[in-house]
C-alpha atoms as a PDB file:
ATOM      1  CA  MET A   1      17.864  -7.038  -0.407  1.00  0.00           C
ATOM      2  CA  GLU A   2      17.259 -10.771  -0.295  1.00  0.00           C
ATOM      3  CA  HIS A   3      13.721 -10.251   1.090  1.00  0.00           C
ATOM      4  CA  LEU A   4      12.573  -7.964  -1.706  1.00  0.00           C
ATOM      5  CA  PRO A   5      11.658 -10.698  -4.231  1.00  0.00           C
ATOM      6  CA  VAL A   6       9.410 -12.350  -1.642  1.00  0.00           C
ATOM      7  CA  LEU A   7       7.642  -9.063  -0.928  1.00  0.00           C
ATOM      8  CA  ALA A   8       7.233  -8.466  -4.671  1.00  0.00           C
ATOM      9  CA  GLU A   9       5.632 -11.890  -5.042  1.00  0.00           C
ATOM     10  CA  LEU A  10       3.313 -11.163  -2.123  1.00  0.00           C
ATOM     11  CA  GLY A  11       2.189  -7.927  -3.778  1.00  0.00           C
ATOM     12  CA  VAL A  12       1.460  -9.633  -7.099  1.00  0.00           C
ATOM     13  CA  GLY A  13      -0.155 -12.629  -5.450  1.00  0.00           C
ATOM     14  CA  PHE A  14      -2.358 -10.465  -3.291  1.00  0.00           C
ATOM     15  CA  ALA A  15      -3.552  -8.409  -6.276  1.00  0.00           C
ATOM     16  CA  GLY A  16      -4.273 -11.580  -8.259  1.00  0.00           C
ATOM     17  CA  PHE A  17      -6.134 -13.247  -5.430  1.00  0.00           C
ATOM     18  CA  THR A  18      -8.174 -10.094  -4.880  1.00  0.00           C
ATOM     19  CA  ALA A  19      -9.085  -9.949  -8.573  1.00  0.00           C
ATOM     20  CA  ILE A  20     -10.347 -13.525  -8.485  1.00  0.00           C
ATOM     21  CA  PHE A  21     -12.296 -12.843  -5.297  1.00  0.00           C
ATOM     22  CA  LEU A  22     -13.914  -9.775  -6.860  1.00  0.00           C
ATOM     23  CA  ILE A  23     -15.111 -11.758  -9.844  1.00  0.00           C
ATOM     24  CA  PHE A  24     -17.015 -14.120  -7.570  1.00  0.00           C
ATOM     25  CA  ALA A  25     -18.092 -11.495  -5.008  1.00  0.00           C
ATOM     26  CA  ARG A  26     -19.687  -9.096  -7.469  1.00  0.00           C
ATOM     27  CA  ARG A  27     -23.453  -9.309  -7.346  1.00  0.00           C
ATOM     28  CA  ASP A  28     -24.390  -6.600  -9.833  1.00  0.00           C
ATOM     29  CA  ASP A  29     -22.496  -5.066 -12.696  1.00  0.00           C
ATOM     30  CA  ARG A  30     -20.993  -2.477 -10.367  1.00  0.00           C
ATOM     31  CA  PHE A  31     -19.652  -2.204  -6.854  1.00  0.00           C
ATOM     32  CA  GLU A  32     -20.947   0.343  -4.376  1.00  0.00           C
ATOM     33  CA  PRO A  33     -18.820   3.534  -4.060  1.00  0.00           C
ATOM     34  CA  HIS A  34     -17.303   2.530  -0.710  1.00  0.00           C
ATOM     35  CA  ASP A  35     -16.401  -0.890  -2.126  1.00  0.00           C
ATOM     36  CA  GLY A  36     -14.747   0.807  -5.075  1.00  0.00           C
ATOM     37  CA  LEU A  37     -12.619   2.855  -2.704  1.00  0.00           C
ATOM     38  CA  ARG A  38     -11.536  -0.281  -0.849  1.00  0.00           C
ATOM     39  CA  ILE A  39     -10.732  -2.044  -4.122  1.00  0.00           C
ATOM     40  CA  GLN A  40      -8.717   0.960  -5.241  1.00  0.00           C
ATOM     41  CA  ALA A  41      -6.775   0.882  -1.958  1.00  0.00           C
ATOM     42  CA  ILE A  42      -6.113  -2.869  -2.252  1.00  0.00           C
ATOM     43  CA  PHE A  43      -4.749  -2.720  -5.784  1.00  0.00           C
ATOM     44  CA  THR A  44      -2.828   0.510  -5.249  1.00  0.00           C
ATOM     45  CA  ALA A  45      -1.112  -0.800  -2.121  1.00  0.00           C
ATOM     46  CA  SER A  46      -0.386  -4.199  -3.716  1.00  0.00           C
ATOM     47  CA  PHE A  47       1.157  -2.730  -6.847  1.00  0.00           C
ATOM     48  CA  MET A  48       3.040  -0.107  -4.865  1.00  0.00           C
ATOM     49  CA  ALA A  49       4.521  -2.932  -2.756  1.00  0.00           C
ATOM     50  CA  LEU A  50       5.523  -4.707  -5.965  1.00  0.00           C
ATOM     51  CA  PHE A  51       7.111  -1.604  -7.449  1.00  0.00           C
ATOM     52  CA  MET A  52       8.945  -0.669  -4.252  1.00  0.00           C
ATOM     53  CA  SER A  53      10.270  -4.232  -4.045  1.00  0.00           C
ATOM     54  CA  VAL A  54      11.572  -4.287  -7.602  1.00  0.00           C
ATOM     55  CA  LEU A  55      13.035  -0.763  -7.800  1.00  0.00           C
ATOM     56  CA  PRO A  56      15.996  -1.352  -5.421  1.00  0.00           C
ATOM     57  CA  LEU A  57      16.806  -4.602  -7.210  1.00  0.00           C
ATOM     58  CA  VAL A  58      16.957  -2.803 -10.533  1.00  0.00           C
ATOM     59  CA  LEU A  59      19.059   0.036  -9.136  1.00  0.00           C
ATOM     60  CA  SER A  60      21.431  -2.427  -7.449  1.00  0.00           C
ATOM     61  CA  GLU A  61      22.624  -3.433 -10.917  1.00  0.00           C
ATOM     62  CA  SER A  62      24.099   0.070 -11.348  1.00  0.00           C
ATOM     63  CA  ASP A  63      27.124   1.623  -9.668  1.00  0.00           C
ATOM     64  CA  ILE A  64      25.000   3.464  -7.106  1.00  0.00           C
ATOM     65  CA  PRO A  65      26.062   2.744  -3.500  1.00  0.00           C
ATOM     66  CA  GLU A  66      23.514   0.714  -1.537  1.00  0.00           C
ATOM     67  CA  SER A  67      22.891   3.484   1.006  1.00  0.00           C
ATOM     68  CA  GLU A  68      21.982   5.853  -1.818  1.00  0.00           C
ATOM     69  CA  ILE A  69      19.711   3.257  -3.435  1.00  0.00           C
ATOM     70  CA  TRP A  70      17.651   3.143  -0.232  1.00  0.00           C
ATOM     71  CA  ARG A  71      17.453   6.945  -0.150  1.00  0.00           C
ATOM     72  CA  TYR A  72      16.446   7.281  -3.826  1.00  0.00           C
ATOM     73  CA  CYS A  73      13.823   4.550  -3.579  1.00  0.00           C
ATOM     74  CA  SER A  74      12.521   5.949  -0.299  1.00  0.00           C
ATOM     75  CA  GLY A  75      12.215   9.454  -1.702  1.00  0.00           C
ATOM     76  CA  PHE A  76      10.340   8.188  -4.718  1.00  0.00           C
ATOM     77  CA  GLY A  77       8.173   5.889  -2.576  1.00  0.00           C
ATOM     78  CA  ALA A  78       7.361   8.672  -0.102  1.00  0.00           C
ATOM     79  CA  LEU A  79       6.297  11.066  -2.856  1.00  0.00           C
ATOM     80  CA  VAL A  80       4.140   8.493  -4.625  1.00  0.00           C
ATOM     81  CA  THR A  81       2.627   7.278  -1.350  1.00  0.00           C
ATOM     82  CA  LEU A  82       1.769  10.842  -0.325  1.00  0.00           C
ATOM     83  CA  GLY A  83       0.094  11.401  -3.696  1.00  0.00           C
ATOM     84  CA  ILE A  84      -1.878   8.171  -3.492  1.00  0.00           C
ATOM     85  CA  TYR A  85      -2.820   8.814   0.135  1.00  0.00           C
ATOM     86  CA  ALA A  86      -4.075  12.305  -0.753  1.00  0.00           C
ATOM     87  CA  HIS A  87      -6.004  11.013  -3.759  1.00  0.00           C
ATOM     88  CA  ILE A  88      -7.740   8.227  -1.833  1.00  0.00           C
ATOM     89  CA  SER A  89      -8.488  10.576   1.085  1.00  0.00           C
ATOM     90  CA  VAL A  90     -10.116  13.075  -1.299  1.00  0.00           C
ATOM     91  CA  ASP A  91     -12.098  10.254  -2.915  1.00  0.00           C
ATOM     92  CA  GLN A  92     -13.241   9.102   0.523  1.00  0.00           C
ATOM     93  CA  PHE A  93     -14.256  12.638   1.465  1.00  0.00           C
ATOM     94  CA  ARG A  94     -16.290  12.931  -1.752  1.00  0.00           C
ATOM     95  CA  LEU A  95     -18.307   9.802  -1.008  1.00  0.00           C
ATOM     96  CA  PRO A  96     -21.905  10.289   0.026  1.00  0.00           C
ATOM     97  CA  SER A  97     -22.261  10.238   3.801  1.00  0.00           C
ATOM     98  CA  GLU A  98     -23.945   6.789   3.716  1.00  0.00           C
ATOM     99  CA  SER A  99     -21.011   5.272   1.840  1.00  0.00           C
ATOM    100  CA  ARG A 100     -18.496   7.030   4.047  1.00  0.00           C
ATOM    101  CA  LYS A 101     -20.110   5.448   7.114  1.00  0.00           C
ATOM    102  CA  LYS A 102     -19.875   2.000   5.506  1.00  0.00           C
ATOM    103  CA  ILE A 103     -16.096   2.322   5.273  1.00  0.00           C
ATOM    104  CA  GLY A 104     -16.079   1.951   9.031  1.00  0.00           C
ATOM    105  CA  LEU A 105     -13.253   1.944  11.500  1.00  0.00           C
ATOM    106  CA  THR A 106     -10.914  -0.165   9.378  1.00  0.00           C
ATOM    107  CA  ASN A 107      -9.415   2.863   7.674  1.00  0.00           C
ATOM    108  CA  THR A 108      -9.309   4.918  10.833  1.00  0.00           C
ATOM    109  CA  LEU A 109      -7.754   2.282  13.076  1.00  0.00           C
ATOM    110  CA  VAL A 110      -5.619   0.302  10.631  1.00  0.00           C
ATOM    111  CA  ALA A 111      -5.091   1.765   7.173  1.00  0.00           C
ATOM    112  CA  HIS A 112      -4.485   5.403   8.132  1.00  0.00           C
ATOM    113  CA  PRO A 113      -1.889   4.632  10.833  1.00  0.00           C
ATOM    114  CA  LEU A 114      -0.122   2.249   8.433  1.00  0.00           C
ATOM    115  CA  GLY A 115      -0.102   4.964   5.762  1.00  0.00           C
ATOM    116  CA  ILE A 116       1.401   7.423   8.213  1.00  0.00           C
ATOM    117  CA  GLY A 117       3.926   4.750   9.242  1.00  0.00           C
ATOM    118  CA  ILE A 118       4.995   4.340   5.606  1.00  0.00           C
ATOM    119  CA  ILE A 119       5.613   8.066   5.269  1.00  0.00           C
ATOM    120  CA  LEU A 120       7.560   8.160   8.558  1.00  0.00           C
ATOM    121  CA  CYS A 121       9.722   5.151   7.635  1.00  0.00           C
ATOM    122  CA  LEU A 122      10.525   6.407   4.158  1.00  0.00           C
ATOM    123  CA  GLY A 123      10.971   9.988   5.326  1.00  0.00           C
ATOM    124  CA  SER A 124      13.499   8.980   7.970  1.00  0.00           C
ATOM    125  CA  ILE A 125      15.534   7.199   5.295  1.00  0.00           C
ATOM    126  CA  VAL A 126      15.426  10.201   2.961  1.00  0.00           C
ATOM    127  CA  LEU A 127      16.449  12.535   5.781  1.00  0.00           C
ATOM    128  CA  ASN A 128      19.254  10.101   6.662  1.00  0.00           C
ATOM    129  CA  LEU A 129      18.450  10.140  10.371  1.00  0.00           C
ATOM    130  CA  ASP A 130      21.178   8.482  12.429  1.00  0.00           C
ATOM    131  CA  TRP A 131      18.796   6.024  14.072  1.00  0.00           C
ATOM    132  CA  ALA A 132      17.329   4.927  10.751  1.00  0.00           C
ATOM    133  CA  ARG A 133      18.484   1.569   9.501  1.00  0.00           C
ATOM    134  CA  SER A 134      17.562   2.083   5.879  1.00  0.00           C
ATOM    135  CA  SER A 135      16.987  -1.446   4.662  1.00  0.00           C
ATOM    136  CA  MET A 136      14.909  -2.430   7.686  1.00  0.00           C
ATOM    137  CA  LEU A 137      12.680   0.638   7.504  1.00  0.00           C
ATOM    138  CA  TYR A 138      12.270   0.252   3.754  1.00  0.00           C
ATOM    139  CA  LEU A 139      11.149  -3.359   4.165  1.00  0.00           C
ATOM    140  CA  LEU A 140       8.831  -2.295   6.986  1.00  0.00           C
ATOM    141  CA  SER A 141       7.200   0.287   4.720  1.00  0.00           C
ATOM    142  CA  ILE A 142       6.491  -2.452   2.138  1.00  0.00           C
ATOM    143  CA  VAL A 143       5.013  -4.654   4.863  1.00  0.00           C
ATOM    144  CA  PHE A 144       2.824  -1.700   5.883  1.00  0.00           C
ATOM    145  CA  LEU A 145       1.623  -1.385   2.281  1.00  0.00           C
ATOM    146  CA  LEU A 146       0.662  -5.050   2.301  1.00  0.00           C
ATOM    147  CA  GLY A 147      -1.059  -4.430   5.645  1.00  0.00           C
ATOM    148  CA  ILE A 148      -3.196  -1.707   4.070  1.00  0.00           C
ATOM    149  CA  ALA A 149      -4.151  -4.058   1.256  1.00  0.00           C
ATOM    150  CA  THR A 150      -4.905  -6.849   3.708  1.00  0.00           C
ATOM    151  CA  SER A 151      -7.034  -4.756   6.058  1.00  0.00           C
ATOM    152  CA  ASN A 152      -9.113  -3.443   3.178  1.00  0.00           C
ATOM    153  CA  PHE A 153      -9.469  -6.924   1.714  1.00  0.00           C
ATOM    154  CA  VAL A 154     -10.626  -8.390   5.013  1.00  0.00           C
ATOM    155  CA  ALA A 155     -13.172  -5.597   5.472  1.00  0.00           C
ATOM    156  CA  LEU A 156     -14.418  -6.045   1.896  1.00  0.00           C
ATOM    157  CA  ALA A 157     -14.593  -9.837   2.217  1.00  0.00           C
ATOM    158  CA  MET A 158     -16.451  -9.678   5.522  1.00  0.00           C
ATOM    159  CA  GLN A 159     -18.954  -7.308   4.003  1.00  0.00           C
ATOM    160  CA  LYS A 160     -19.454  -9.309   0.796  1.00  0.00           C
ATOM    161  CA  LEU A 161     -19.625 -12.732   2.433  1.00  0.00           C
ATOM    162  CA  ARG A 162     -22.383 -11.788   4.875  1.00  0.00           C
END
């Protein structure tokens, strides 16, 4: 649990840095639809990383055994991540075909596999699989969330700084 505060700080820092970048990168009053989807993914993943980092720390102050804390947090994280993943996927599907093409391979090659990895890591903790080392997989799922935020930020920055 000693790594969780660092991951929480990374989530907050990443969201803050992205907000500052967006202020300077905005050319008009609005962003294009595909940019909005990327921004949504960045902030959602950053704040989800923050929340998933803080939740076990809060629950550790109770009398709940540590193994159960990982399972409760993983169950909650898996459900929320599935909901967010479905919502963003529907939003991406609803984009006009031009905007959908501008999203590019970043989501297909990086963000989607990381999203699936989060679900697999958290699901294996919830199912209490023998090979699952709960704390390690939980931390890995938070790192994957930060990876989703990072990949979308890099794609957005490369597009805006051209």
